[in-house]
PDB file of all heavy atoms in Angstrom:
ATOM      1  N   GLN A   1      23.426  -0.110 -21.598  1.00  0.00           N
ATOM      2  CA  GLN A   1      22.053   0.277 -21.949  1.00  0.00           C
ATOM      3  C   GLN A   1      21.172   0.012 -20.733  1.00  0.00           C
ATOM      4  O   GLN A   1      21.219  -1.059 -20.145  1.00  0.00           O
ATOM      5  CB  GLN A   1      21.557  -0.571 -23.126  1.00  0.00           C
ATOM      6  CG  GLN A   1      20.105  -0.482 -23.445  1.00  0.00           C
ATOM      7  CD  GLN A   1      19.698  -1.429 -24.504  1.00  0.00           C
ATOM      8  OE1 GLN A   1      20.227  -1.388 -25.626  1.00  0.00           O
ATOM      9  NE2 GLN A   1      18.787  -2.358 -24.209  1.00  0.00           N
ATOM     10  N   ILE A   2      20.348   0.968 -20.350  1.00  0.00           N
ATOM     11  CA  ILE A   2      19.492   0.890 -19.180  1.00  0.00           C
ATOM     12  C   ILE A   2      18.031   1.049 -19.560  1.00  0.00           C
ATOM     13  O   ILE A   2      17.631   2.035 -20.168  1.00  0.00           O
ATOM     14  CB  ILE A   2      19.879   2.022 -18.169  1.00  0.00           C
ATOM     15  CG1 ILE A   2      21.344   1.990 -17.824  1.00  0.00           C
ATOM     16  CG2 ILE A   2      19.034   1.933 -16.889  1.00  0.00           C
ATOM     17  CD1 ILE A   2      21.810   0.810 -17.041  1.00  0.00           C
ATOM     18  N   VAL A   3      17.209   0.039 -19.168  1.00  0.00           N
ATOM     19  CA  VAL A   3      15.770   0.107 -19.374  1.00  0.00           C
ATOM     20  C   VAL A   3      15.084   0.220 -18.039  1.00  0.00           C
ATOM     21  O   VAL A   3      15.229  -0.661 -17.182  1.00  0.00           O
ATOM     22  CB  VAL A   3      15.241  -1.116 -20.144  1.00  0.00           C
ATOM     23  CG1 VAL A   3      13.751  -1.066 -20.318  1.00  0.00           C
ATOM     24  CG2 VAL A   3      15.953  -1.276 -21.500  1.00  0.00           C
ATOM     25  N   ASP A   4      14.337   1.271 -17.834  1.00  0.00           N
ATOM     26  CA  ASP A   4      13.691   1.551 -16.563  1.00  0.00           C
ATOM     27  C   ASP A   4      12.506   0.577 -16.377  1.00  0.00           C
ATOM     28  O   ASP A   4      11.584   0.529 -17.177  1.00  0.00           O
ATOM     29  CB  ASP A   4      13.168   2.998 -16.543  1.00  0.00           C
ATOM     30  CG  ASP A   4      12.496   3.383 -15.224  1.00  0.00           C
ATOM     31  OD1 ASP A   4      12.496   2.582 -14.308  1.00  0.00           O
ATOM     32  OD2 ASP A   4      11.987   4.519 -15.166  1.00  0.00           O
ATOM     33  N   ILE A   5      12.558  -0.230 -15.314  1.00  0.00           N
ATOM     34  CA  ILE A   5      11.459  -1.159 -15.009  1.00  0.00           C
ATOM     35  C   ILE A   5      10.898  -0.882 -13.623  1.00  0.00           C
ATOM     36  O   ILE A   5      10.229  -1.747 -12.997  1.00  0.00           O
ATOM     37  CB  ILE A   5      11.926  -2.634 -15.081  1.00  0.00           C
ATOM     38  CG1 ILE A   5      13.082  -2.908 -14.113  1.00  0.00           C
ATOM     39  CG2 ILE A   5      12.327  -3.002 -16.509  1.00  0.00           C
ATOM     40  CD1 ILE A   5      13.415  -4.357 -13.927  1.00  0.00           C
ATOM     41  N   THR A   6      11.057   0.325 -13.127  1.00  0.00           N
ATOM     42  CA  THR A   6      10.591   0.689 -11.794  1.00  0.00           C
ATOM     43  C   THR A   6       9.091   0.527 -11.683  1.00  0.00           C
ATOM     44  O   THR A   6       8.574  -0.035 -10.674  1.00  0.00           O
ATOM     45  CB  THR A   6      10.976   2.134 -11.446  1.00  0.00           C
ATOM     46  OG1 THR A   6      12.388   2.286 -11.595  1.00  0.00           O
ATOM     47  CG2 THR A   6      10.583   2.502 -10.027  1.00  0.00           C
ATOM     48  N   ALA A   7       8.344   0.982 -12.675  1.00  0.00           N
ATOM     49  CA  ALA A   7       6.883   0.885 -12.625  1.00  0.00           C
ATOM     50  C   ALA A   7       6.422  -0.580 -12.569  1.00  0.00           C
ATOM     51  O   ALA A   7       5.482  -0.916 -11.855  1.00  0.00           O
ATOM     52  CB  ALA A   7       6.268   1.579 -13.854  1.00  0.00           C
ATOM     53  N   ILE A   8       7.110  -1.440 -13.316  1.00  0.00           N
ATOM     54  CA  ILE A   8       6.801  -2.841 -13.314  1.00  0.00           C
ATOM     55  C   ILE A   8       7.042  -3.464 -11.930  1.00  0.00           C
ATOM     56  O   ILE A   8       6.240  -4.220 -11.393  1.00  0.00           O
ATOM     57  CB  ILE A   8       7.603  -3.602 -14.400  1.00  0.00           C
ATOM     58  CG1 ILE A   8       7.200  -3.100 -15.779  1.00  0.00           C
ATOM     59  CG2 ILE A   8       7.396  -5.111 -14.277  1.00  0.00           C
ATOM     60  CD1 ILE A   8       8.045  -3.669 -16.904  1.00  0.00           C
ATOM     61  N   LYS A   9       8.182  -3.133 -11.334  1.00  0.00           N
ATOM     62  CA  LYS A   9       8.563  -3.681 -10.032  1.00  0.00           C
ATOM     63  C   LYS A   9       7.551  -3.214  -8.956  1.00  0.00           C
ATOM     64  O   LYS A   9       7.160  -3.994  -8.090  1.00  0.00           O
ATOM     65  CB  LYS A   9       9.974  -3.265  -9.634  1.00  0.00           C
ATOM     66  CG  LYS A   9      11.051  -3.786 -10.547  1.00  0.00           C
ATOM     67  CD  LYS A   9      11.178  -5.307 -10.500  1.00  0.00           C
ATOM     68  CE  LYS A   9      11.783  -5.773  -9.173  1.00  0.00           C
ATOM     69  NZ  LYS A   9      12.037  -7.213  -9.175  1.00  0.00           N
ATOM     70  N   GLU A  10       7.148  -1.923  -9.023  1.00  0.00           N
ATOM     71  CA  GLU A  10       6.207  -1.408  -8.030  1.00  0.00           C
ATOM     72  C   GLU A  10       4.817  -2.066  -8.225  1.00  0.00           C
ATOM     73  O   GLU A  10       4.152  -2.352  -7.239  1.00  0.00           O
ATOM     74  CB  GLU A  10       6.128   0.096  -8.178  1.00  0.00           C
ATOM     75  CG  GLU A  10       7.365   0.821  -7.719  1.00  0.00           C
ATOM     76  CD  GLU A  10       7.299   2.326  -7.940  1.00  0.00           C
ATOM     77  OE1 GLU A  10       6.404   2.781  -8.675  1.00  0.00           O
ATOM     78  OE2 GLU A  10       8.164   3.039  -7.390  1.00  0.00           O
ATOM     79  N   ALA A  11       4.439  -2.332  -9.478  1.00  0.00           N
ATOM     80  CA  ALA A  11       3.153  -3.010  -9.722  1.00  0.00           C
ATOM     81  C   ALA A  11       3.201  -4.424  -9.167  1.00  0.00           C
ATOM     82  O   ALA A  11       2.212  -4.925  -8.627  1.00  0.00           O
ATOM     83  CB  ALA A  11       2.845  -3.003 -11.222  1.00  0.00           C
ATOM     84  N   GLN A  12       4.343  -5.084  -9.327  1.00  0.00           N
ATOM     85  CA  GLN A  12       4.508  -6.445  -8.781  1.00  0.00           C
ATOM     86  C   GLN A  12       4.375  -6.450  -7.271  1.00  0.00           C
ATOM     87  O   GLN A  12       3.731  -7.347  -6.707  1.00  0.00           O
ATOM     88  CB  GLN A  12       5.870  -7.020  -9.220  1.00  0.00           C
ATOM     89  CG  GLN A  12       5.960  -7.420 -10.683  1.00  0.00           C
ATOM     90  CD  GLN A  12       7.368  -7.865 -11.068  1.00  0.00           C
ATOM     91  OE1 GLN A  12       8.340  -7.616 -10.384  1.00  0.00           O
ATOM     92  NE2 GLN A  12       7.458  -8.540 -12.198  1.00  0.00           N
ATOM     93  N   LYS A  13       4.963  -5.467  -6.665  1.00  0.00           N
ATOM     94  CA  LYS A  13       4.878  -5.386  -5.169  1.00  0.00           C
ATOM     95  C   LYS A  13       3.440  -5.182  -4.730  1.00  0.00           C
ATOM     96  O   LYS A  13       2.980  -5.786  -3.763  1.00  0.00           O
ATOM     97  CB  LYS A  13       5.778  -4.261  -4.665  1.00  0.00           C
ATOM     98  CG  LYS A  13       7.257  -4.551  -4.757  1.00  0.00           C
ATOM     99  CD  LYS A  13       8.079  -3.384  -4.188  1.00  0.00           C
ATOM    100  CE  LYS A  13       9.558  -3.675  -4.244  1.00  0.00           C
ATOM    101  NZ  LYS A  13      10.359  -2.521  -3.716  1.00  0.00           N
ATOM    102  N   GLU A  14       2.722  -4.301  -5.438  1.00  0.00           N
ATOM    103  CA  GLU A  14       1.308  -4.051  -5.109  1.00  0.00           C
ATOM    104  C   GLU A  14       0.475  -5.282  -5.279  1.00  0.00           C
ATOM    105  O   GLU A  14      -0.409  -5.605  -4.506  1.00  0.00           O
ATOM    106  CB  GLU A  14       0.765  -2.900  -5.949  1.00  0.00           C
ATOM    107  CG  GLU A  14       1.343  -1.526  -5.598  1.00  0.00           C
ATOM    108  CD  GLU A  14       0.816  -0.431  -6.478  1.00  0.00           C
ATOM    109  OE1 GLU A  14      -0.069  -0.728  -7.294  1.00  0.00           O
ATOM    110  OE2 GLU A  14       1.252   0.741  -6.328  1.00  0.00           O
ATOM    111  N   LEU A  15       0.759  -6.050  -6.370  1.00  0.00           N
ATOM    112  CA  LEU A  15       0.061  -7.291  -6.637  1.00  0.00           C
ATOM    113  C   LEU A  15       0.314  -8.333  -5.521  1.00  0.00           C
ATOM    114  O   LEU A  15      -0.604  -9.003  -5.063  1.00  0.00           O
ATOM    115  CB  LEU A  15       0.436  -7.857  -8.006  1.00  0.00           C
ATOM    116  CG  LEU A  15      -0.243  -9.162  -8.417  1.00  0.00           C
ATOM    117  CD1 LEU A  15      -1.751  -8.976  -8.466  1.00  0.00           C
ATOM    118  CD2 LEU A  15       0.306  -9.628  -9.756  1.00  0.00           C
ATOM    119  N   GLU A  16       1.583  -8.398  -5.109  1.00  0.00           N
ATOM    120  CA  GLU A  16       1.957  -9.341  -4.042  1.00  0.00           C
ATOM    121  C   GLU A  16       1.207  -9.000  -2.759  1.00  0.00           C
ATOM    122  O   GLU A  16       0.725  -9.896  -2.042  1.00  0.00           O
ATOM    123  CB  GLU A  16       3.451  -9.321  -3.840  1.00  0.00           C
ATOM    124  CG  GLU A  16       4.239  -9.977  -4.977  1.00  0.00           C
ATOM    125  CD  GLU A  16       5.745  -9.743  -4.844  1.00  0.00           C
ATOM    126  OE1 GLU A  16       6.152  -9.079  -3.890  1.00  0.00           O
ATOM    127  OE2 GLU A  16       6.473 -10.216  -5.738  1.00  0.00           O
ATOM    128  N   LEU A  17       1.128  -7.702  -2.458  1.00  0.00           N
ATOM    129  CA  LEU A  17       0.426  -7.288  -1.253  1.00  0.00           C
ATOM    130  C   LEU A  17      -1.064  -7.591  -1.363  1.00  0.00           C
ATOM    131  O   LEU A  17      -1.720  -8.043  -0.405  1.00  0.00           O
ATOM    132  CB  LEU A  17       0.616  -5.780  -0.982  1.00  0.00           C
ATOM    133  CG  LEU A  17       1.990  -5.338  -0.559  1.00  0.00           C
ATOM    134  CD1 LEU A  17       2.116  -3.822  -0.514  1.00  0.00           C
ATOM    135  CD2 LEU A  17       2.321  -5.922   0.813  1.00  0.00           C
ATOM    136  N   SER A  18      -1.638  -7.362  -2.578  1.00  0.00           N
ATOM    137  CA  SER A  18      -3.015  -7.638  -2.793  1.00  0.00           C
ATOM    138  C   SER A  18      -3.310  -9.150  -2.653  1.00  0.00           C
ATOM    139  O   SER A  18      -4.307  -9.557  -2.053  1.00  0.00           O
ATOM    140  CB  SER A  18      -3.437  -7.176  -4.189  1.00  0.00           C
ATOM    141  OG  SER A  18      -4.778  -7.486  -4.475  1.00  0.00           O
ATOM    142  N   GLU A  19      -2.442  -9.972  -3.231  1.00  0.00           N
ATOM    143  CA  GLU A  19      -2.607 -11.391  -3.132  1.00  0.00           C
ATOM    144  C   GLU A  19      -2.479 -11.921  -1.694  1.00  0.00           C
ATOM    145  O   GLU A  19      -3.194 -12.816  -1.252  1.00  0.00           O
ATOM    146  CB  GLU A  19      -1.583 -12.093  -4.024  1.00  0.00           C
ATOM    147  CG  GLU A  19      -1.845 -11.928  -5.518  1.00  0.00           C
ATOM    148  CD  GLU A  19      -0.780 -12.591  -6.386  1.00  0.00           C
ATOM    149  OE1 GLU A  19       0.310 -12.894  -5.822  1.00  0.00           O
ATOM    150  OE2 GLU A  19      -1.015 -12.776  -7.586  1.00  0.00           O
ATOM    151  N   LYS A  20      -1.576 -11.274  -0.964  1.00  0.00           N
ATOM    152  CA  LYS A  20      -1.387 -11.644   0.448  1.00  0.00           C
ATOM    153  C   LYS A  20      -2.616 -11.322   1.227  1.00  0.00           C
ATOM    154  O   LYS A  20      -3.082 -12.109   2.083  1.00  0.00           O
ATOM    155  CB  LYS A  20      -0.173 -10.920   1.029  1.00  0.00           C
ATOM    156  CG  LYS A  20       0.154 -11.294   2.475  1.00  0.00           C
ATOM    157  CD  LYS A  20       1.410 -10.580   2.945  1.00  0.00           C
ATOM    158  CE  LYS A  20       1.733 -11.027   4.366  1.00  0.00           C
ATOM    159  NZ  LYS A  20       2.948 -10.299   4.895  1.00  0.00           N
ATOM    160  N   SER A  21      -3.232 -10.140   0.966  1.00  0.00           N
ATOM    161  CA  SER A  21      -4.451  -9.741   1.677  1.00  0.00           C
ATOM    162  C   SER A  21      -5.601 -10.678   1.326  1.00  0.00           C
ATOM    163  O   SER A  21      -6.357 -11.093   2.189  1.00  0.00           O
ATOM    164  CB  SER A  21      -4.856  -8.310   1.305  1.00  0.00           C
ATOM    165  OG  SER A  21      -3.831  -7.398   1.737  1.00  0.00           O
ATOM    166  N   TYR A  22      -5.709 -11.021   0.019  1.00  0.00           N
ATOM    167  CA  TYR A  22      -6.766 -11.928  -0.393  1.00  0.00           C
ATOM    168  C   TYR A  22      -6.578 -13.273   0.288  1.00  0.00           C
ATOM    169  O   TYR A  22      -7.550 -13.872   0.775  1.00  0.00           O
ATOM    170  CB  TYR A  22      -6.716 -12.112  -1.916  1.00  0.00           C
ATOM    171  CG  TYR A  22      -7.262 -13.456  -2.371  1.00  0.00           C
ATOM    172  CD1 TYR A  22      -8.647 -13.652  -2.437  1.00  0.00           C
ATOM    173  CD2 TYR A  22      -6.430 -14.512  -2.724  1.00  0.00           C
ATOM    174  CE1 TYR A  22      -9.171 -14.876  -2.820  1.00  0.00           C
ATOM    175  CE2 TYR A  22      -6.935 -15.718  -3.130  1.00  0.00           C
ATOM    176  CZ  TYR A  22      -8.287 -15.905  -3.180  1.00  0.00           C
ATOM    177  OH  TYR A  22      -8.854 -17.116  -3.561  1.00  0.00           O
ATOM    178  N   LYS A  23      -5.331 -13.771   0.333  1.00  0.00           N
ATOM    179  CA  LYS A  23      -5.072 -15.077   0.924  1.00  0.00           C
ATOM    180  C   LYS A  23      -5.430 -15.110   2.399  1.00  0.00           C
ATOM    181  O   LYS A  23      -6.009 -16.091   2.900  1.00  0.00           O
ATOM    182  CB  LYS A  23      -3.582 -15.442   0.751  1.00  0.00           C
ATOM    183  CG  LYS A  23      -3.212 -16.843   1.170  1.00  0.00           C
ATOM    184  CD  LYS A  23      -3.921 -17.887   0.356  1.00  0.00           C
ATOM    185  CE  LYS A  23      -3.459 -19.289   0.746  1.00  0.00           C
ATOM    186  NZ  LYS A  23      -4.259 -20.353   0.066  1.00  0.00           N
ATOM    187  N   GLN A  24      -5.157 -14.036   3.091  1.00  0.00           N
ATOM    188  CA  GLN A  24      -5.515 -13.944   4.512  1.00  0.00           C
ATOM    189  C   GLN A  24      -7.024 -13.971   4.712  1.00  0.00           C
ATOM    190  O   GLN A  24      -7.544 -14.698   5.596  1.00  0.00           O
ATOM    191  CB  GLN A  24      -4.940 -12.669   5.109  1.00  0.00           C
ATOM    192  CG  GLN A  24      -3.417 -12.720   5.273  1.00  0.00           C
ATOM    193  CD  GLN A  24      -2.837 -11.402   5.749  1.00  0.00           C
ATOM    194  OE1 GLN A  24      -3.473 -10.367   5.647  1.00  0.00           O
ATOM    195  NE2 GLN A  24      -1.642 -11.471   6.314  1.00  0.00           N
ATOM    196  N   LEU A  25      -7.779 -13.222   3.883  1.00  0.00           N
ATOM    197  CA  LEU A  25      -9.223 -13.248   3.945  1.00  0.00           C
ATOM    198  C   LEU A  25      -9.814 -14.611   3.603  1.00  0.00           C
ATOM    199  O   LEU A  25     -10.728 -15.099   4.232  1.00  0.00           O
ATOM    200  CB  LEU A  25      -9.830 -12.174   3.004  1.00  0.00           C
ATOM    201  CG  LEU A  25      -9.574 -10.723   3.408  1.00  0.00           C
ATOM    202  CD1 LEU A  25     -10.027  -9.799   2.270  1.00  0.00           C
ATOM    203  CD2 LEU A  25     -10.317 -10.385   4.697  1.00  0.00           C
TER     204      LEU A  25
END
């Protein structure tokens, strides 16, 4: 059984990038 979590993983990556940018600022 396969549950697609691609959208969740991509959202996590975007959040990590956003948090990294915030941390730098």
